[in-house]
C-alpha atoms as a PDB file:
ATOM      1  CA  MET A   1      52.014 179.054  94.243  1.00  0.00           C
ATOM      2  CA  GLU A   2      49.169 179.126  96.746  1.00  0.00           C
ATOM      3  CA  ILE A   3      49.660 181.449  99.727  1.00  0.00           C
ATOM      4  CA  SER A   4      47.637 181.181 102.949  1.00  0.00           C
ATOM      5  CA  SER A   5      48.888 183.518 105.734  1.00  0.00           C
ATOM      6  CA  ASP A   6      52.345 182.147 106.599  1.00  0.00           C
ATOM      7  CA  LEU A   7      51.992 178.764 104.806  1.00  0.00           C
ATOM      8  CA  ILE A   8      52.745 178.622 101.093  1.00  0.00           C
ATOM      9  CA  LYS A   9      52.053 175.622  98.847  1.00  0.00           C
ATOM     10  CA  GLY A  10      54.926 175.583  96.398  1.00  0.00           C
ATOM     11  CA  ASP A  11      54.907 175.011  92.662  1.00  0.00           C
ATOM     12  CA  SER A  12      56.670 172.161  90.956  1.00  0.00           C
ATOM     13  CA  PHE A  13      60.406 172.694  90.598  1.00  0.00           C
ATOM     14  CA  ARG A  14      59.765 172.259  86.863  1.00  0.00           C
ATOM     15  CA  VAL A  15      57.976 175.607  87.030  1.00  0.00           C
ATOM     16  CA  ALA A  16      60.168 177.518  89.487  1.00  0.00           C
ATOM     17  CA  ARG A  17      63.325 176.821  91.464  1.00  0.00           C
ATOM     18  CA  LEU A  18      63.080 176.863  95.262  1.00  0.00           C
ATOM     19  CA  SER A  19      64.960 180.167  95.546  1.00  0.00           C
ATOM     20  CA  VAL A  20      62.552 181.816  93.080  1.00  0.00           C
ATOM     21  CA  GLN A  21      59.529 180.570  95.039  1.00  0.00           C
ATOM     22  CA  ILE A  22      60.931 181.828  98.336  1.00  0.00           C
ATOM     23  CA  GLU A  23      61.783 185.205  96.764  1.00  0.00           C
ATOM     24  CA  ALA A  24      58.230 185.468  95.362  1.00  0.00           C
ATOM     25  CA  ALA A  25      56.978 185.078  98.947  1.00  0.00           C
ATOM     26  CA  GLY A  26      59.200 187.934 100.117  1.00  0.00           C
ATOM     27  CA  GLY A  27      62.077 185.876 101.502  1.00  0.00           C
ATOM     28  CA  VAL A  28      65.593 184.833 100.626  1.00  0.00           C
ATOM     29  CA  LEU A  29      67.020 181.306 100.511  1.00  0.00           C
ATOM     30  CA  ASN A  30      70.079 181.531 102.779  1.00  0.00           C
ATOM     31  CA  ASN A  31      71.706 179.963 105.842  1.00  0.00           C
ATOM     32  CA  SER A  32      68.788 181.008 108.086  1.00  0.00           C
ATOM     33  CA  THR A  33      66.392 178.928 105.970  1.00  0.00           C
ATOM     34  CA  VAL A  34      65.388 175.732 107.766  1.00  0.00           C
ATOM     35  CA  ALA A  35      64.362 172.617 105.822  1.00  0.00           C
ATOM     36  CA  LYS A  36      62.387 169.739 107.313  1.00  0.00           C
ATOM     37  CA  CYS A  37      61.378 166.534 105.537  1.00  0.00           C
ATOM     38  CA  ILE A  38      57.697 165.584 105.738  1.00  0.00           C
ATOM     39  CA  GLU A  39      57.855 161.912 106.684  1.00  0.00           C
ATOM     40  CA  GLY A  40      56.510 159.445 104.130  1.00  0.00           C
ATOM     41  CA  THR A  41      56.485 162.020 101.296  1.00  0.00           C
ATOM     42  CA  PHE A  42      58.844 163.766  98.918  1.00  0.00           C
ATOM     43  CA  SER A  43      57.757 167.131 100.318  1.00  0.00           C
ATOM     44  CA  TYR A  44      59.793 169.428 102.501  1.00  0.00           C
ATOM     45  CA  ILE A  45      58.825 172.416 104.605  1.00  0.00           C
ATOM     46  CA  TYR A  46      61.181 175.362 104.174  1.00  0.00           C
ATOM     47  CA  GLU A  47      60.944 178.055 106.851  1.00  0.00           C
ATOM     48  CA  PHE A  48      62.501 181.410 105.975  1.00  0.00           C
ATOM     49  CA  ASN A  49      62.618 185.063 107.011  1.00  0.00           C
ATOM     50  CA  THR A  50      60.609 187.842 105.359  1.00  0.00           C
ATOM     51  CA  ASP A  51      60.079 191.506 106.255  1.00  0.00           C
ATOM     52  CA  SER A  52      56.773 190.462 107.835  1.00  0.00           C
ATOM     53  CA  GLY A  53      58.202 187.553 109.850  1.00  0.00           C
ATOM     54  CA  ARG A  54      58.876 183.852 109.300  1.00  0.00           C
ATOM     55  CA  LYS A  55      56.993 182.004 106.559  1.00  0.00           C
ATOM     56  CA  LYS A  56      56.830 178.369 105.516  1.00  0.00           C
ATOM     57  CA  LEU A  57      56.810 176.903 102.021  1.00  0.00           C
ATOM     58  CA  VAL A  58      55.713 173.293 101.467  1.00  0.00           C
ATOM     59  CA  THR A  59      57.140 171.715  98.323  1.00  0.00           C
ATOM     60  CA  LYS A  60      55.069 169.520  96.032  1.00  0.00           C
ATOM     61  CA  ASN A  61      55.030 165.817  96.800  1.00  0.00           C
ATOM     62  CA  GLU A  62      56.847 164.815  93.632  1.00  0.00           C
ATOM     63  CA  TYR A  63      60.130 163.198  92.694  1.00  0.00           C
ATOM     64  CA  LEU A  64      62.275 163.615  89.574  1.00  0.00           C
ATOM     65  CA  VAL A  65      62.841 160.057  88.347  1.00  0.00           C
ATOM     66  CA  GLY A  66      65.004 161.006  85.373  1.00  0.00           C
ATOM     67  CA  ILE A  67      65.672 163.219  82.371  1.00  0.00           C
ATOM     68  CA  ILE A  68      65.606 161.950  78.812  1.00  0.00           C
ATOM     69  CA  SER A  69      67.254 164.155  76.219  1.00  0.00           C
ATOM     70  CA  GLU A  70      66.128 163.351  72.718  1.00  0.00           C
ATOM     71  CA  ASP A  71      64.658 165.798  70.186  1.00  0.00           C
ATOM     72  CA  VAL A  72      63.378 167.757  73.207  1.00  0.00           C
ATOM     73  CA  THR A  73      64.011 167.385  76.917  1.00  0.00           C
ATOM     74  CA  HIS A  74      61.623 165.039  78.691  1.00  0.00           C
ATOM     75  CA  ARG A  75      61.354 164.778  82.458  1.00  0.00           C
ATOM     76  CA  VAL A  76      59.920 161.763  84.245  1.00  0.00           C
ATOM     77  CA  TYR A  77      58.307 162.598  87.590  1.00  0.00           C
ATOM     78  CA  TYR A  78      56.584 160.525  90.225  1.00  0.00           C
ATOM     79  CA  ASN A  79      53.600 162.269  91.813  1.00  0.00           C
ATOM     80  CA  GLY A  80      53.398 161.193  95.454  1.00  0.00           C
ATOM     81  CA  GLU A  81      49.793 162.358  95.808  1.00  0.00           C
ATOM     82  CA  THR A  82      48.335 160.404  92.871  1.00  0.00           C
ATOM     83  CA  LYS A  83      50.987 157.630  92.936  1.00  0.00           C
ATOM     84  CA  THR A  84      51.464 158.121  89.193  1.00  0.00           C
ATOM     85  CA  TYR A  85      54.496 158.386  86.908  1.00  0.00           C
ATOM     86  CA  LEU A  86      54.260 161.287  84.462  1.00  0.00           C
ATOM     87  CA  LEU A  87      56.312 162.361  81.461  1.00  0.00           C
ATOM     88  CA  TYR A  88      56.650 166.117  80.936  1.00  0.00           C
ATOM     89  CA  SER A  89      57.908 167.116  77.504  1.00  0.00           C
ATOM     90  CA  PHE A  90      58.865 170.678  76.707  1.00  0.00           C
ATOM     91  CA  GLU A  91      56.668 172.104  73.928  1.00  0.00           C
ATOM     92  CA  LYS A  92      57.190 175.880  73.795  1.00  0.00           C
ATOM     93  CA  PHE A  93      57.353 179.090  75.783  1.00  0.00           C
ATOM     94  CA  ASP A  94      54.128 180.981  76.450  1.00  0.00           C
ATOM     95  CA  ASN A  95      53.641 184.736  75.996  1.00  0.00           C
ATOM     96  CA  ASN A  96      55.237 185.339  79.421  1.00  0.00           C
ATOM     97  CA  ASP A  97      58.339 183.272  78.536  1.00  0.00           C
ATOM     98  CA  LYS A  98      57.268 180.440  80.829  1.00  0.00           C
ATOM     99  CA  PRO A  99      57.785 176.884  79.583  1.00  0.00           C
ATOM    100  CA  VAL A 100      54.762 174.899  78.467  1.00  0.00           C
ATOM    101  CA  TYR A 101      54.947 171.123  78.893  1.00  0.00           C
ATOM    102  CA  GLY A 102      52.953 168.325  77.360  1.00  0.00           C
ATOM    103  CA  THR A 103      52.042 165.678  79.926  1.00  0.00           C
ATOM    104  CA  ARG A 104      51.630 161.940  79.508  1.00  0.00           C
ATOM    105  CA  VAL A 105      50.744 159.358  82.155  1.00  0.00           C
ATOM    106  CA  LEU A 106      53.277 156.518  82.168  1.00  0.00           C
ATOM    107  CA  GLY A 107      51.644 154.263  84.743  1.00  0.00           C
ATOM    108  CA  LYS A 108      51.182 153.567  88.426  1.00  0.00           C
ATOM    109  CA  SER A 109      54.179 151.288  88.967  1.00  0.00           C
ATOM    110  CA  TYR A 110      57.893 151.583  88.247  1.00  0.00           C
ATOM    111  CA  LYS A 111      57.612 148.589  85.900  1.00  0.00           C
ATOM    112  CA  GLU A 112      54.718 150.150  83.923  1.00  0.00           C
ATOM    113  CA  MET A 113      56.648 153.406  83.634  1.00  0.00           C
ATOM    114  CA  ARG A 114      59.763 151.632  82.304  1.00  0.00           C
ATOM    115  CA  GLN A 115      57.707 149.677  79.755  1.00  0.00           C
ATOM    116  CA  ALA A 116      55.971 152.846  78.553  1.00  0.00           C
ATOM    117  CA  LEU A 117      59.294 154.648  78.138  1.00  0.00           C
ATOM    118  CA  LYS A 118      60.850 151.710  76.294  1.00  0.00           C
ATOM    119  CA  SER A 119      57.974 151.704  73.814  1.00  0.00           C
ATOM    120  CA  MET A 120      58.295 155.486  73.323  1.00  0.00           C
ATOM    121  CA  PHE A 121      62.104 155.419  72.949  1.00  0.00           C
ATOM    122  CA  PRO A 122      62.845 151.933  71.534  1.00  0.00           C
ATOM    123  CA  ASN A 123      66.441 152.747  70.514  1.00  0.00           C
ATOM    124  CA  ARG A 124      67.489 154.100  73.896  1.00  0.00           C
ATOM    125  CA  GLU A 125      69.806 151.852  75.914  1.00  0.00           C
ATOM    126  CA  GLU A 126      70.874 154.024  78.894  1.00  0.00           C
ATOM    127  CA  TRP A 127      68.116 155.256  81.166  1.00  0.00           C
ATOM    128  CA  ASN A 128      69.601 156.456  84.483  1.00  0.00           C
ATOM    129  CA  LEU A 129      66.221 156.412  86.217  1.00  0.00           C
ATOM    130  CA  CYS A 130      65.850 156.513  89.990  1.00  0.00           C
ATOM    131  CA  ASP A 131      63.226 154.444  91.748  1.00  0.00           C
ATOM    132  CA  PRO A 132      61.320 156.840  94.039  1.00  0.00           C
ATOM    133  CA  ARG A 133      60.596 154.050  96.538  1.00  0.00           C
ATOM    134  CA  ILE A 134      64.339 153.831  97.248  1.00  0.00           C
ATOM    135  CA  ALA A 135      64.605 157.608  97.643  1.00  0.00           C
ATOM    136  CA  LEU A 136      61.642 157.643 100.012  1.00  0.00           C
ATOM    137  CA  ASN A 137      63.278 154.994 102.201  1.00  0.00           C
ATOM    138  CA  LYS A 138      66.473 157.133 102.397  1.00  0.00           C
ATOM    139  CA  ASN A 139      64.412 159.877 104.052  1.00  0.00           C
ATOM    140  CA  GLU A 140      63.459 157.567 106.921  1.00  0.00           C
ATOM    141  CA  LYS A 141      65.450 157.952 110.106  1.00  0.00           C
ATOM    142  CA  PRO A 142      67.190 154.826 111.452  1.00  0.00           C
ATOM    143  CA  ALA A 143      65.532 153.146 114.428  1.00  0.00           C
END
């Protein structure tokens, strides 16, 4: 997490849940926390109370496309900054008991990502993947 006065750049939710990130900044996720979507991204700004006043946390511009449970748990994310699909595969816990993930680029398009996954998991039939373009359009307010 990167902290600059009252604006905090959040970590990936793979690394830390929202409540943990807010607590690390001295706040509590509760009914006084205000969330606002950043238009055209997957990021949100969460504004919350701390002992030193209100602070804001900006979430990473990423979207969880799906989870694949095989020999280990794999998570497919879309990075809204780089416009890239990535596969994060759990490898181990580090000395501080934090998960360590291997990362693999799956492509720049939904089609490339699906083809890459099918070649990696040829026997898999059910995917349950979400297209981030559809999710992004749901965030848009009606005219």
